[in-house]
Every structure is written in C-alpha cells, then in structure tokens.
Amino acid sequence: MNIRVNGETQVLEEGAVTVARLLDIQKVESPDMVSVQRNGDFVERANFGSTLLAENDEIEFLYFMGGGACKCQGDSLLSWN
C-alpha cells in the first residue's frame, strides 16, 4: 500500500495497517504526544487502534510544543530550554 507520511511516499508491505501500527512502524518517539491527521482530518487518539489506512492516504504527524527557547546553529538544534 502506498501512502504519504509527512510529505514522503511510503510503501507499506503489511496488509491492514492502523494509525497505531503506523506510529510503531515509523518508530515515532513519544506517540502519546503526537496528533495525527489523515487526509486533512484529525484522528481521535481513542481511534488510533481502529482507524485503518487506505491506498494513497496522506498522513501528518504533528508535534505540539509549548514555550521555551532553542539555541540553534543554522538548521541544527543545539539545545532546548
């Protein structure tokens, strides 16, 4: 199955893949802190385990961060306060 994850084409060899399984496949850090959009609509966290992906779905993993400041050099994050 072909899908797009954060703008990149991914080929999933498994049959039925849920949002929860995709988070595992993609080795998403802190999946409890991630919001997921499927084809532009937010998926309720309670439905991650039952929402099946389909051919050509567009998935976005969104990480919301509050406050703080970063020390950056070019495009590299050196530290986060």
N, C-alpha and C. Protein backbone atom coordinates (compact mmCIF):
# COMPACT_ATOMS: atom_id res chain seq x y z
N MET A 1 0.86 -1.17 0.00
CA MET A 1 0.00 0.00 0.00
C MET A 1 0.90 1.23 0.00
N ASN A 2 0.57 2.19 -0.85
CA ASN A 2 1.30 3.45 -0.93
C ASN A 2 0.56 4.52 -0.15
N ILE A 3 1.29 5.21 0.74
CA ILE A 3 0.74 6.34 1.48
C ILE A 3 1.80 7.43 1.51
N ARG A 4 1.41 8.60 1.95
CA ARG A 4 2.38 9.68 2.17
C ARG A 4 2.38 10.01 3.65
N VAL A 5 3.58 10.05 4.23
CA VAL A 5 3.74 10.37 5.64
C VAL A 5 4.61 11.62 5.74
N ASN A 6 4.03 12.67 6.27
CA ASN A 6 4.74 13.96 6.38
C ASN A 6 5.38 14.34 5.04
N GLY A 7 4.61 14.14 3.97
CA GLY A 7 5.04 14.56 2.64
C GLY A 7 5.91 13.58 1.88
N GLU A 8 6.28 12.46 2.51
CA GLU A 8 7.15 11.49 1.84
C GLU A 8 6.38 10.21 1.53
N THR A 9 6.56 9.70 0.33
CA THR A 9 5.90 8.47 -0.07
C THR A 9 6.47 7.30 0.71
N GLN A 10 5.59 6.47 1.23
CA GLN A 10 5.98 5.27 1.97
C GLN A 10 5.23 4.09 1.35
N VAL A 11 5.89 2.96 1.27
CA VAL A 11 5.26 1.73 0.81
C VAL A 11 5.14 0.81 2.01
N LEU A 12 3.91 0.45 2.35
CA LEU A 12 3.67 -0.46 3.47
C LEU A 12 3.42 -1.86 2.92
N GLU A 13 4.21 -2.81 3.36
CA GLU A 13 4.10 -4.19 2.88
C GLU A 13 3.02 -4.96 3.63
N GLU A 14 2.69 -4.50 4.84
CA GLU A 14 1.67 -5.19 5.64
C GLU A 14 0.31 -4.97 5.03
N GLY A 15 -0.62 -5.86 5.32
CA GLY A 15 -1.99 -5.73 4.83
C GLY A 15 -2.72 -4.58 5.48
N ALA A 16 -3.51 -4.88 6.50
CA ALA A 16 -4.28 -3.86 7.21
C ALA A 16 -3.38 -3.16 8.22
N VAL A 17 -3.25 -1.85 8.06
CA VAL A 17 -2.40 -1.06 8.95
C VAL A 17 -3.24 0.03 9.59
N THR A 18 -3.21 0.09 10.92
CA THR A 18 -3.92 1.14 11.64
C THR A 18 -2.98 2.31 11.90
N VAL A 19 -3.55 3.41 12.34
CA VAL A 19 -2.73 4.56 12.72
C VAL A 19 -1.75 4.16 13.82
N ALA A 20 -2.22 3.41 14.82
CA ALA A 20 -1.35 2.98 15.92
C ALA A 20 -0.18 2.15 15.39
N ARG A 21 -0.46 1.25 14.46
CA ARG A 21 0.60 0.41 13.89
C ARG A 21 1.58 1.26 13.09
N LEU A 22 1.08 2.25 12.36
CA LEU A 22 1.96 3.14 11.59
C LEU A 22 2.89 3.90 12.52
N LEU A 23 2.39 4.37 13.66
CA LEU A 23 3.25 5.05 14.63
C LEU A 23 4.38 4.13 15.06
N ASP A 24 4.07 2.85 15.23
CA ASP A 24 5.07 1.86 15.61
C ASP A 24 6.05 1.61 14.46
N ILE A 25 5.53 1.40 13.27
CA ILE A 25 6.37 1.16 12.09
C ILE A 25 7.35 2.31 11.87
N GLN A 26 6.85 3.53 12.04
CA GLN A 26 7.67 4.73 11.80
C GLN A 26 8.58 5.06 12.99
N LYS A 27 8.47 4.26 14.07
CA LYS A 27 9.28 4.47 15.27
C LYS A 27 9.14 5.90 15.79
N VAL A 28 7.89 6.36 15.86
CA VAL A 28 7.61 7.71 16.34
C VAL A 28 7.92 7.79 17.83
N GLU A 29 8.77 8.75 18.19
CA GLU A 29 9.09 8.96 19.59
C GLU A 29 7.91 9.62 20.29
N SER A 30 7.63 9.22 21.49
CA SER A 30 6.54 9.77 22.31
C SER A 30 5.22 9.81 21.54
N PRO A 31 4.74 8.64 21.08
CA PRO A 31 3.49 8.64 20.31
C PRO A 31 2.30 9.20 21.07
N ASP A 32 2.38 9.23 22.40
CA ASP A 32 1.29 9.81 23.19
C ASP A 32 1.29 11.33 23.11
N MET A 33 2.33 11.92 22.53
CA MET A 33 2.43 13.37 22.38
C MET A 33 2.18 13.82 20.94
N VAL A 34 1.77 12.90 20.07
CA VAL A 34 1.61 13.18 18.65
C VAL A 34 0.13 13.26 18.29
N SER A 35 -0.21 14.27 17.50
CA SER A 35 -1.53 14.32 16.89
C SER A 35 -1.37 13.82 15.46
N VAL A 36 -2.40 13.16 14.95
CA VAL A 36 -2.32 12.58 13.61
C VAL A 36 -3.46 13.11 12.75
N GLN A 37 -3.10 13.56 11.55
CA GLN A 37 -4.09 13.92 10.55
C GLN A 37 -4.07 12.87 9.46
N ARG A 38 -5.26 12.48 9.03
CA ARG A 38 -5.40 11.55 7.90
C ARG A 38 -6.23 12.27 6.86
N ASN A 39 -5.62 12.54 5.72
CA ASN A 39 -6.29 13.25 4.63
C ASN A 39 -6.91 14.57 5.11
N GLY A 40 -6.17 15.26 5.98
CA GLY A 40 -6.58 16.59 6.43
C GLY A 40 -7.48 16.62 7.64
N ASP A 41 -7.94 15.46 8.10
CA ASP A 41 -8.82 15.38 9.28
C ASP A 41 -8.06 14.78 10.45
N PHE A 42 -8.24 15.36 11.63
CA PHE A 42 -7.60 14.81 12.82
C PHE A 42 -8.24 13.47 13.18
N VAL A 43 -7.40 12.53 13.59
CA VAL A 43 -7.87 11.23 14.07
C VAL A 43 -7.88 11.30 15.59
N GLU A 44 -8.99 10.97 16.20
CA GLU A 44 -9.08 10.96 17.66
C GLU A 44 -8.12 9.89 18.19
N ARG A 45 -7.38 10.25 19.23
CA ARG A 45 -6.41 9.31 19.82
C ARG A 45 -7.08 7.98 20.18
N ALA A 46 -8.30 8.03 20.67
CA ALA A 46 -9.02 6.80 21.04
C ALA A 46 -9.26 5.89 19.83
N ASN A 47 -9.15 6.44 18.62
CA ASN A 47 -9.40 5.67 17.40
C ASN A 47 -8.12 5.26 16.67
N PHE A 48 -6.95 5.54 17.24
CA PHE A 48 -5.69 5.18 16.58
C PHE A 48 -5.64 3.68 16.28
N GLY A 49 -6.11 2.86 17.21
CA GLY A 49 -6.03 1.41 17.04
C GLY A 49 -7.06 0.82 16.11
N SER A 50 -8.08 1.61 15.76
CA SER A 50 -9.14 1.08 14.89
C SER A 50 -9.23 1.78 13.54
N THR A 51 -8.48 2.87 13.37
CA THR A 51 -8.52 3.60 12.10
C THR A 51 -7.56 2.96 11.11
N LEU A 52 -8.13 2.32 10.10
CA LEU A 52 -7.32 1.66 9.07
C LEU A 52 -6.90 2.65 7.99
N LEU A 53 -5.67 2.50 7.54
CA LEU A 53 -5.17 3.32 6.45
C LEU A 53 -5.59 2.70 5.12
N ALA A 54 -5.67 3.57 4.10
CA ALA A 54 -6.06 3.11 2.76
C ALA A 54 -5.05 3.62 1.74
N GLU A 55 -5.04 3.00 0.60
CA GLU A 55 -4.17 3.39 -0.51
C GLU A 55 -4.26 4.90 -0.73
N ASN A 56 -3.09 5.53 -0.86
CA ASN A 56 -2.95 6.96 -1.15
C ASN A 56 -3.38 7.89 -0.02
N ASP A 57 -3.55 7.37 1.20
CA ASP A 57 -3.81 8.26 2.34
C ASP A 57 -2.64 9.20 2.53
N GLU A 58 -2.94 10.39 3.01
CA GLU A 58 -1.92 11.37 3.37
C GLU A 58 -1.97 11.54 4.87
N ILE A 59 -0.87 11.18 5.53
CA ILE A 59 -0.78 11.19 6.98
C ILE A 59 0.21 12.26 7.41
N GLU A 60 -0.17 13.02 8.42
CA GLU A 60 0.74 14.01 9.00
C GLU A 60 0.83 13.73 10.49
N PHE A 61 2.06 13.64 11.00
CA PHE A 61 2.31 13.55 12.43
C PHE A 61 2.62 14.96 12.91
N LEU A 62 1.87 15.44 13.87
CA LEU A 62 2.04 16.80 14.37
C LEU A 62 2.45 16.77 15.83
N TYR A 63 3.51 17.49 16.14
CA TYR A 63 4.01 17.58 17.50
C TYR A 63 3.79 19.00 17.99
N PHE A 64 3.02 19.14 19.04
CA PHE A 64 2.76 20.45 19.60
C PHE A 64 3.68 20.67 20.78
N MET A 65 4.38 21.79 20.77
CA MET A 65 5.32 22.10 21.84
C MET A 65 4.95 23.46 22.43
N GLY A 66 5.07 23.54 23.72
CA GLY A 66 4.79 24.80 24.38
C GLY A 66 6.06 25.49 24.80
N GLY A 67 6.01 26.77 24.85
CA GLY A 67 7.06 27.64 25.39
C GLY A 67 8.48 27.14 25.31
N GLY A 68 9.38 27.94 25.77
CA GLY A 68 10.79 27.57 25.78
C GLY A 68 11.54 28.30 24.69
N ALA A 69 12.80 28.06 24.65
CA ALA A 69 13.67 28.70 23.67
C ALA A 69 14.70 27.69 23.20
N CYS A 70 15.12 27.85 21.98
CA CYS A 70 16.13 26.94 21.46
C CYS A 70 17.38 27.70 21.09
N LYS A 71 18.50 27.00 21.16
CA LYS A 71 19.77 27.52 20.70
C LYS A 71 20.08 26.79 19.41
N CYS A 72 20.08 27.51 18.31
CA CYS A 72 20.25 26.88 17.00
C CYS A 72 21.51 27.39 16.31
N GLN A 73 22.04 26.54 15.45
CA GLN A 73 23.15 26.93 14.60
C GLN A 73 22.78 26.48 13.20
N GLY A 74 22.45 27.40 12.32
CA GLY A 74 21.95 27.03 11.01
C GLY A 74 20.63 26.30 11.16
N ASP A 75 20.54 25.11 10.59
CA ASP A 75 19.32 24.30 10.71
C ASP A 75 19.40 23.30 11.85
N SER A 76 20.45 23.35 12.65
CA SER A 76 20.63 22.35 13.71
C SER A 76 20.23 22.90 15.07
N LEU A 77 19.48 22.09 15.80
CA LEU A 77 19.08 22.44 17.16
C LEU A 77 20.20 22.00 18.08
N LEU A 78 20.78 22.95 18.82
CA LEU A 78 21.87 22.64 19.74
C LEU A 78 21.36 22.31 21.13
N SER A 79 20.34 23.04 21.58
CA SER A 79 19.76 22.78 22.90
C SER A 79 18.39 23.40 22.98
N TRP A 80 17.60 22.92 23.94
CA TRP A 80 16.24 23.41 24.15
C TRP A 80 16.06 23.70 25.62
N ASN A 81 15.57 24.89 25.93
CA ASN A 81 15.34 25.28 27.34
C ASN A 81 13.87 25.38 27.61
